[in-house]
C-alpha atoms as a PDB file:
ATOM      1  CA  MET A   1     -15.239 159.806  37.347  1.00  0.00           C
ATOM      2  CA  LYS A   2     -11.759 160.149  35.940  1.00  0.00           C
ATOM      3  CA  ALA A   3     -12.172 159.051  32.312  1.00  0.00           C
ATOM      4  CA  ILE A   4     -14.566 157.683  29.726  1.00  0.00           C
ATOM      5  CA  VAL A   5     -13.471 155.304  26.997  1.00  0.00           C
ATOM      6  CA  CYS A   6     -16.065 155.299  24.214  1.00  0.00           C
ATOM      7  CA  LEU A   7     -16.460 152.299  21.967  1.00  0.00           C
ATOM      8  CA  GLY A   8     -18.580 152.233  18.840  1.00  0.00           C
ATOM      9  CA  ASN A   9     -19.794 154.517  16.092  1.00  0.00           C
ATOM     10  CA  ASP A  10     -22.204 156.878  17.831  1.00  0.00           C
ATOM     11  CA  ASN A  11     -20.231 158.567  20.619  1.00  0.00           C
ATOM     12  CA  GLU A  12     -21.115 162.198  19.980  1.00  0.00           C
ATOM     13  CA  ARG A  13     -23.802 162.410  22.685  1.00  0.00           C
ATOM     14  CA  VAL A  14     -21.582 160.870  25.355  1.00  0.00           C
ATOM     15  CA  ILE A  15     -18.666 163.098  24.405  1.00  0.00           C
ATOM     16  CA  SER A  16     -20.865 166.183  24.352  1.00  0.00           C
ATOM     17  CA  ALA A  17     -22.433 165.392  27.721  1.00  0.00           C
ATOM     18  CA  PHE A  18     -19.130 164.759  29.530  1.00  0.00           C
ATOM     19  CA  THR A  19     -16.679 167.184  27.901  1.00  0.00           C
ATOM     20  CA  GLY A  20     -15.328 169.409  30.663  1.00  0.00           C
ATOM     21  CA  LYS A  21     -16.690 167.114  33.377  1.00  0.00           C
ATOM     22  CA  VAL A  22     -14.100 164.318  33.222  1.00  0.00           C
ATOM     23  CA  GLU A  23     -10.336 164.463  32.810  1.00  0.00           C
ATOM     24  CA  SER A  24     -10.125 162.309  29.676  1.00  0.00           C
ATOM     25  CA  ILE A  25     -12.439 161.074  26.945  1.00  0.00           C
ATOM     26  CA  VAL A  26     -10.989 158.526  24.550  1.00  0.00           C
ATOM     27  CA  GLU A  27     -12.629 156.960  21.495  1.00  0.00           C
ATOM     28  CA  SER A  28     -11.668 153.419  20.539  1.00  0.00           C
ATOM     29  CA  ALA A  29     -12.412 151.158  17.593  1.00  0.00           C
ATOM     30  CA  SER A  30     -12.411 147.751  19.317  1.00  0.00           C
ATOM     31  CA  MET A  31     -12.908 146.185  22.724  1.00  0.00           C
ATOM     32  CA  GLU A  32      -9.201 145.372  22.822  1.00  0.00           C
ATOM     33  CA  ASP A  33      -8.308 149.042  22.215  1.00  0.00           C
ATOM     34  CA  ALA A  34     -10.881 150.205  24.779  1.00  0.00           C
ATOM     35  CA  VAL A  35      -9.534 147.888  27.482  1.00  0.00           C
ATOM     36  CA  LYS A  36      -5.939 148.908  26.749  1.00  0.00           C
ATOM     37  CA  ALA A  37      -6.877 152.604  26.938  1.00  0.00           C
ATOM     38  CA  ALA A  38      -8.701 152.069  30.244  1.00  0.00           C
ATOM     39  CA  TYR A  39      -5.739 150.109  31.601  1.00  0.00           C
ATOM     40  CA  TYR A  40      -3.335 152.952  30.870  1.00  0.00           C
ATOM     41  CA  LEU A  41      -5.729 155.627  32.164  1.00  0.00           C
ATOM     42  CA  ALA A  42      -6.377 153.847  35.476  1.00  0.00           C
ATOM     43  CA  GLY A  43      -4.013 154.400  38.354  1.00  0.00           C
ATOM     44  CA  ASP A  44      -2.951 151.849  40.940  1.00  0.00           C
ATOM     45  CA  GLY A  45      -5.975 150.718  42.933  1.00  0.00           C
ATOM     46  CA  GLU A  46      -8.527 152.344  40.619  1.00  0.00           C
ATOM     47  CA  THR A  47     -11.448 150.445  39.120  1.00  0.00           C
ATOM     48  CA  VAL A  48     -12.346 150.093  35.449  1.00  0.00           C
ATOM     49  CA  MET A  49     -15.981 149.277  34.746  1.00  0.00           C
ATOM     50  CA  LEU A  50     -17.671 148.155  31.531  1.00  0.00           C
ATOM     51  CA  SER A  51     -20.839 150.245  31.446  1.00  0.00           C
ATOM     52  CA  PRO A  52     -22.632 150.113  28.095  1.00  0.00           C
ATOM     53  CA  ALA A  53     -24.705 153.207  27.389  1.00  0.00           C
ATOM     54  CA  CYS A  54     -26.683 151.597  24.582  1.00  0.00           C
ATOM     55  CA  ALA A  55     -26.967 148.518  22.394  1.00  0.00           C
ATOM     56  CA  SER A  56     -23.885 147.927  20.293  1.00  0.00           C
ATOM     57  CA  PHE A  57     -25.041 145.638  17.521  1.00  0.00           C
ATOM     58  CA  ASP A  58     -22.523 147.293  15.192  1.00  0.00           C
ATOM     59  CA  LEU A  59     -19.693 145.628  17.136  1.00  0.00           C
ATOM     60  CA  PHE A  60     -21.122 142.635  19.001  1.00  0.00           C
ATOM     61  CA  GLU A  61     -23.547 139.800  18.355  1.00  0.00           C
ATOM     62  CA  SER A  62     -25.202 140.199  21.792  1.00  0.00           C
ATOM     63  CA  PHE A  63     -24.611 141.504  25.297  1.00  0.00           C
ATOM     64  CA  GLU A  64     -23.071 138.127  26.103  1.00  0.00           C
ATOM     65  CA  ASP A  65     -20.600 138.546  23.234  1.00  0.00           C
ATOM     66  CA  ARG A  66     -19.738 142.053  24.458  1.00  0.00           C
ATOM     67  CA  GLY A  67     -19.049 140.740  27.978  1.00  0.00           C
ATOM     68  CA  ARG A  68     -17.016 137.818  26.661  1.00  0.00           C
ATOM     69  CA  GLN A  69     -14.859 140.131  24.531  1.00  0.00           C
ATOM     70  CA  PHE A  70     -14.340 142.423  27.537  1.00  0.00           C
ATOM     71  CA  LYS A  71     -13.195 139.531  29.723  1.00  0.00           C
ATOM     72  CA  GLU A  72     -10.901 138.207  26.994  1.00  0.00           C
ATOM     73  CA  ALA A  73      -9.318 141.625  26.450  1.00  0.00           C
ATOM     74  CA  VAL A  74      -8.727 142.045  30.202  1.00  0.00           C
ATOM     75  CA  ARG A  75      -7.159 138.607  30.466  1.00  0.00           C
ATOM     76  CA  ALA A  76      -4.879 139.421  27.512  1.00  0.00           C
ATOM     77  CA  LEU A  77      -3.327 142.439  29.241  1.00  0.00           C
END
């Protein structure tokens, strides 16, 4: 794993667990910012994956809303 882009309010556990194990850890405030960060961190031919570590009711109405926002942010690149 090359990088982790955290999204949401409670990222301390993820950051703590992966510090020193991945090249980059970035915190973002919105899905749009997260997708842009992942886009710039990924090299040619590399894959970016949306992999929620927990529920994110602070940012999204449902998992469907989270997926929709991800797809919209990718399409907007």
